[in-house]
Amino acid sequence: MSSLAHSQPFGRSPRLSAQVLSVLVAEVLREWEPGALLPRETDLADRFGISRGVVREALRGLEERGLVTVRHGHGAIVNEPDRWDILDPLVLNSVVTAPDGVGVLREVLECRRCLEVYVAGLAATRARPEDLDALARALDEMREAADAGTGDDDPFLEADLRFHEALVRAAGNRALSRLTQPLQRAFLTAHRPLVHPEARRERSVPEHAAVFEAIQARNPTAASDAMERLLETVEGYAAALAKEIK
């Protein structure tokens, strides 16, 4: 039986629907087959000790992420995986921590490669002085956080994210910047299972520095090549994780 059937009620909170949504996302992705019908609103309300209005808000969150289709008079029906918004951080976090999540990690990393190798080349030809300053600051923050502990609030990963956000801005393409905004947090989420803190100072920081130095030197080929090597390292971590799981 799914754990949807037995759970402790939630306390009162302004973010109550977000708490319920987080639980339901994980359970829908891991415990329910496509085509399954979720429990009724009244049953979910009883389970969590909340109002039906809060339940409906959480179900809307599931529907917005492509996880379910809500049919009035029938209930919420679990969708096929190809309809899930895999780049939504809440969805992605639940998927990549599942036993078969490495395949999804590969998809996200492939997406990142398609974008950021090209972006690095553009940045080398278009970066303004303020863009170079932002990249340098993020790189310095990565160096400072390289030996910090890992966890939900990982300063190194946050600095890594700021580096890649600055990289996209440095490419000087507003459409590309707009496109990649929802991807950046997804990339950060995808990196969490691949954290290798022991390699940060010796590998990750130098690889990011190589990207920055090529951009600073206005060498688009070297910048793209450096980004390719950086992402190959991350993909190597994903391959190693897949072997561990097997």
Protein backbone atom coordinates (compact mmCIF):
# COMPACT_ATOMS: atom_id res chain seq x y z
CA MET A 1 0.00 0.00 0.00
CA SER A 2 1.25 3.51 -0.81
CA SER A 3 2.28 5.73 2.07
CA LEU A 4 -0.39 8.09 0.78
CA ALA A 5 -2.76 6.00 2.85
CA HIS A 6 -1.07 6.70 6.20
CA SER A 7 0.68 9.87 7.23
CA GLN A 8 0.87 12.24 10.17
CA PRO A 9 -1.06 15.52 9.83
CA PHE A 10 0.89 18.63 8.92
CA GLY A 11 1.09 21.59 11.26
CA ARG A 12 -0.33 24.96 10.30
CA SER A 13 2.02 26.99 8.11
CA PRO A 14 1.85 29.66 5.40
CA ARG A 15 3.68 27.18 3.20
CA LEU A 16 1.37 24.32 3.99
CA SER A 17 0.43 23.55 0.40
CA ALA A 18 4.14 23.58 -0.56
CA GLN A 19 4.87 21.00 2.15
CA VAL A 20 2.05 18.77 0.96
CA LEU A 21 3.09 19.23 -2.66
CA SER A 22 6.66 18.16 -1.88
CA VAL A 23 5.43 14.94 -0.28
CA LEU A 24 2.99 14.19 -3.09
CA VAL A 25 5.57 14.83 -5.83
CA ALA A 26 7.93 12.27 -4.31
CA GLU A 27 5.16 9.71 -3.83
CA VAL A 28 3.63 10.13 -7.27
CA LEU A 29 7.03 9.70 -8.92
CA ARG A 30 8.13 6.73 -6.86
CA GLU A 31 5.02 4.84 -5.79
CA TRP A 32 2.30 5.33 -8.38
CA GLU A 33 2.11 3.87 -11.87
CA PRO A 34 0.92 5.96 -14.83
CA GLY A 35 -2.85 5.82 -15.06
CA ALA A 36 -3.28 5.35 -11.30
CA LEU A 37 -5.93 7.41 -9.58
CA LEU A 38 -4.81 9.40 -6.53
CA PRO A 39 -6.96 9.30 -3.38
CA ARG A 40 -9.89 11.68 -3.20
CA GLU A 41 -9.47 15.24 -1.92
CA THR A 42 -11.31 14.36 1.27
CA ASP A 43 -9.00 11.40 1.92
CA LEU A 44 -5.89 13.53 1.35
CA ALA A 45 -7.30 16.27 3.57
CA ASP A 46 -7.89 13.73 6.34
CA ARG A 47 -4.45 12.25 5.89
CA PHE A 48 -2.61 15.55 6.22
CA GLY A 49 -5.04 17.18 8.62
CA ILE A 50 -5.64 20.10 6.25
CA SER A 51 -8.51 21.69 4.35
CA ARG A 52 -9.68 20.54 0.93
CA GLY A 53 -8.68 23.97 -0.38
CA VAL A 54 -5.05 23.32 0.52
CA VAL A 55 -5.29 19.87 -1.08
CA ARG A 56 -6.65 21.40 -4.30
CA GLU A 57 -3.75 23.85 -4.34
CA ALA A 58 -1.27 21.00 -4.00
CA LEU A 59 -3.01 19.03 -6.76
CA ARG A 60 -2.79 22.08 -9.01
CA GLY A 61 0.94 22.07 -8.32
CA LEU A 62 1.13 18.45 -9.44
CA GLU A 63 -0.82 19.26 -12.58
CA GLU A 64 1.33 22.29 -13.42
CA ARG A 65 4.38 20.03 -13.29
CA GLY A 66 2.80 17.51 -15.65
CA LEU A 67 2.62 14.76 -13.03
CA VAL A 68 -1.14 14.33 -13.02
CA THR A 69 -4.21 15.25 -15.02
CA VAL A 70 -7.12 16.41 -12.86
CA ARG A 71 -10.47 15.40 -14.31
CA HIS A 72 -13.45 16.92 -12.58
CA GLY A 73 -15.69 14.19 -11.27
CA HIS A 74 -12.94 11.57 -11.60
CA GLY A 75 -9.93 12.83 -9.65
CA ALA A 76 -6.20 13.17 -10.31
CA ILE A 77 -4.71 10.61 -12.69
CA VAL A 78 -0.94 10.00 -12.82
CA ASN A 79 0.60 10.89 -16.19
CA GLU A 80 3.22 9.08 -18.24
CA PRO A 81 6.83 10.12 -17.44
CA ASP A 82 7.27 11.87 -20.78
CA ARG A 83 4.77 14.50 -19.62
CA TRP A 84 6.62 15.35 -16.41
CA ASP A 85 8.36 18.73 -16.19
CA ILE A 86 11.72 17.16 -15.56
CA LEU A 87 13.45 20.55 -15.21
CA ASP A 88 11.27 21.64 -12.33
CA PRO A 89 13.63 21.46 -9.32
CA LEU A 90 11.06 19.73 -7.10
CA VAL A 91 10.41 17.05 -9.72
CA LEU A 92 14.05 16.65 -10.67
CA ASN A 93 15.19 16.31 -7.07
CA SER A 94 12.73 13.46 -6.51
CA VAL A 95 13.67 11.75 -9.75
CA VAL A 96 17.46 11.90 -9.44
CA THR A 97 17.42 10.50 -5.91
CA ALA A 98 15.36 7.50 -7.03
CA PRO A 99 17.15 4.20 -7.78
CA ASP A 100 16.82 4.69 -11.56
CA GLY A 101 17.60 8.41 -11.48
CA VAL A 102 21.00 8.21 -13.20
CA GLY A 103 19.35 8.03 -16.60
CA VAL A 104 17.61 11.32 -15.92
CA LEU A 105 20.89 12.81 -14.74
CA ARG A 106 22.41 11.92 -18.10
CA GLU A 107 19.57 13.66 -19.93
CA VAL A 108 20.07 16.85 -17.91
CA LEU A 109 23.83 16.76 -18.44
CA GLU A 110 23.33 16.28 -22.19
CA CYS A 111 21.07 19.34 -22.16
CA ARG A 112 23.70 21.31 -20.33
CA ARG A 113 26.41 20.30 -22.78
CA CYS A 114 24.30 21.39 -25.76
CA LEU A 115 23.88 24.84 -24.24
CA GLU A 116 26.97 25.72 -22.28
CA VAL A 117 29.70 24.65 -24.68
CA TYR A 118 28.27 27.10 -27.19
CA VAL A 119 27.58 29.71 -24.52
CA ALA A 120 31.23 29.66 -23.42
CA GLY A 121 32.33 30.44 -26.97
CA LEU A 122 29.90 33.34 -27.23
CA ALA A 123 31.04 34.69 -23.86
CA ALA A 124 34.64 34.78 -25.08
CA THR A 125 33.68 37.16 -27.87
CA ARG A 126 31.05 39.25 -26.08
CA ALA A 127 31.87 39.46 -22.37
CA ARG A 128 31.87 43.00 -20.99
CA PRO A 129 34.21 44.08 -18.16
CA GLU A 130 31.38 43.69 -15.63
CA ASP A 131 30.75 40.14 -16.91
CA LEU A 132 34.41 39.26 -16.39
CA ASP A 133 34.22 40.74 -12.90
CA ALA A 134 31.14 38.59 -12.09
CA LEU A 135 32.87 35.44 -13.36
CA ALA A 136 36.00 36.25 -11.35
CA ARG A 137 33.99 36.84 -8.17
CA ALA A 138 32.12 33.54 -8.56
CA LEU A 139 35.40 31.73 -9.19
CA ASP A 140 36.92 33.28 -6.05
CA GLU A 141 33.84 32.17 -4.07
CA MET A 142 34.32 28.64 -5.40
CA ARG A 143 37.93 28.66 -4.22
CA GLU A 144 36.92 29.92 -0.78
CA ALA A 145 34.17 27.29 -0.45
CA ALA A 146 36.14 24.37 -1.90
CA ASP A 147 36.84 22.90 1.53
CA ALA A 148 33.44 23.70 3.05
CA GLY A 149 31.11 20.91 4.09
CA THR A 150 28.34 19.66 1.86
CA GLY A 151 24.63 19.60 2.60
CA ASP A 152 21.39 21.27 1.61
CA ASP A 153 23.12 24.66 1.80
CA ASP A 154 26.34 23.95 -0.05
CA PRO A 155 28.27 27.22 -0.59
CA PHE A 156 30.46 25.64 -3.26
CA LEU A 157 27.49 24.55 -5.38
CA GLU A 158 25.87 27.97 -4.95
CA ALA A 159 29.06 29.65 -6.13
CA ASP A 160 29.23 27.18 -9.00
CA LEU A 161 25.69 28.21 -9.96
CA ARG A 162 26.63 31.91 -9.86
CA PHE A 163 29.57 31.20 -12.17
CA HIS A 164 27.33 29.57 -14.77
CA GLU A 165 24.68 32.28 -14.45
CA ALA A 166 27.38 34.89 -15.05
CA LEU A 167 28.61 32.87 -18.01
CA VAL A 168 25.19 33.00 -19.67
CA ARG A 169 24.94 36.75 -19.10
CA ALA A 170 28.38 37.15 -20.62
CA ALA A 171 27.15 35.51 -23.82
CA GLY A 172 25.14 38.66 -24.50
CA ASN A 173 22.06 36.91 -25.87
CA ARG A 174 18.84 37.91 -24.14
CA ALA A 175 16.81 35.06 -25.64
CA LEU A 176 19.40 32.52 -24.53
CA SER A 177 19.55 34.07 -21.07
CA ARG A 178 15.78 33.87 -20.76
CA LEU A 179 15.80 30.26 -21.97
CA THR A 180 18.43 29.13 -19.51
CA GLN A 181 17.03 30.83 -16.39
CA PRO A 182 14.71 27.93 -15.48
CA LEU A 183 17.50 25.47 -16.29
CA GLN A 184 20.11 26.80 -13.90
CA ARG A 185 18.51 25.59 -10.66
CA ALA A 186 17.73 22.29 -12.36
CA PHE A 187 21.41 21.89 -13.19
CA LEU A 188 22.27 22.59 -9.55
CA THR A 189 19.75 19.98 -8.40
CA ALA A 190 21.18 17.44 -10.83
CA HIS A 191 24.69 18.04 -9.47
CA ARG A 192 23.86 17.21 -5.86
CA PRO A 193 24.06 13.39 -6.27
CA LEU A 194 27.39 13.87 -8.08
CA VAL A 195 29.16 15.87 -5.38
CA HIS A 196 32.84 14.93 -5.05
CA PRO A 197 34.14 17.36 -2.40
CA GLU A 198 37.58 15.78 -2.46
CA ALA A 199 38.00 16.79 -6.13
CA ARG A 200 36.82 20.38 -5.84
CA ARG A 201 40.16 22.12 -5.22
CA GLU A 202 42.21 19.87 -7.47
CA ARG A 203 39.78 19.48 -10.36
CA SER A 204 36.58 21.51 -10.35
CA VAL A 205 38.12 24.89 -9.51
CA PRO A 206 40.94 24.55 -12.09
CA GLU A 207 38.46 23.48 -14.77
CA HIS A 208 36.24 26.49 -14.09
CA ALA A 209 39.33 28.69 -14.02
CA ALA A 210 40.32 27.40 -17.47
CA VAL A 211 36.92 28.46 -18.82
CA PHE A 212 37.30 31.91 -17.27
CA GLU A 213 40.86 32.39 -18.51
CA ALA A 214 39.87 31.49 -22.08
CA ILE A 215 36.97 33.96 -21.94
CA GLN A 216 39.24 36.62 -20.50
CA ALA A 217 41.72 35.94 -23.35
CA ARG A 218 38.90 36.33 -25.91
CA ASN A 219 39.54 32.83 -27.27
CA PRO A 220 36.16 31.24 -28.14
CA THR A 221 37.61 27.90 -29.24
CA ALA A 222 39.59 27.50 -26.02
CA ALA A 223 36.56 28.56 -23.97
CA SER A 224 34.30 25.97 -25.62
CA ASP A 225 36.98 23.29 -25.28
CA ALA A 226 37.47 24.11 -21.59
CA MET A 227 33.73 23.92 -20.96
CA GLU A 228 33.62 20.58 -22.81
CA ARG A 229 36.29 19.19 -20.50
CA LEU A 230 34.52 20.52 -17.42
CA LEU A 231 31.25 18.86 -18.39
CA GLU A 232 33.01 15.62 -19.33
CA THR A 233 34.24 15.47 -15.73
CA VAL A 234 30.71 15.83 -14.40
CA GLU A 235 29.43 13.21 -16.84
CA GLY A 236 32.20 10.91 -15.63
CA TYR A 237 30.84 11.24 -12.10
CA ALA A 238 27.40 10.24 -13.41
CA ALA A 239 28.86 7.18 -15.15
CA ALA A 240 30.64 6.15 -11.93
CA LEU A 241 27.41 6.57 -9.97
CA ALA A 242 25.60 4.34 -12.44
CA LYS A 243 28.18 1.59 -11.87
CA GLU A 244 27.85 1.89 -8.09
CA ILE A 245 24.09 1.47 -8.32
CA LYS A 246 24.43 -1.64 -10.47
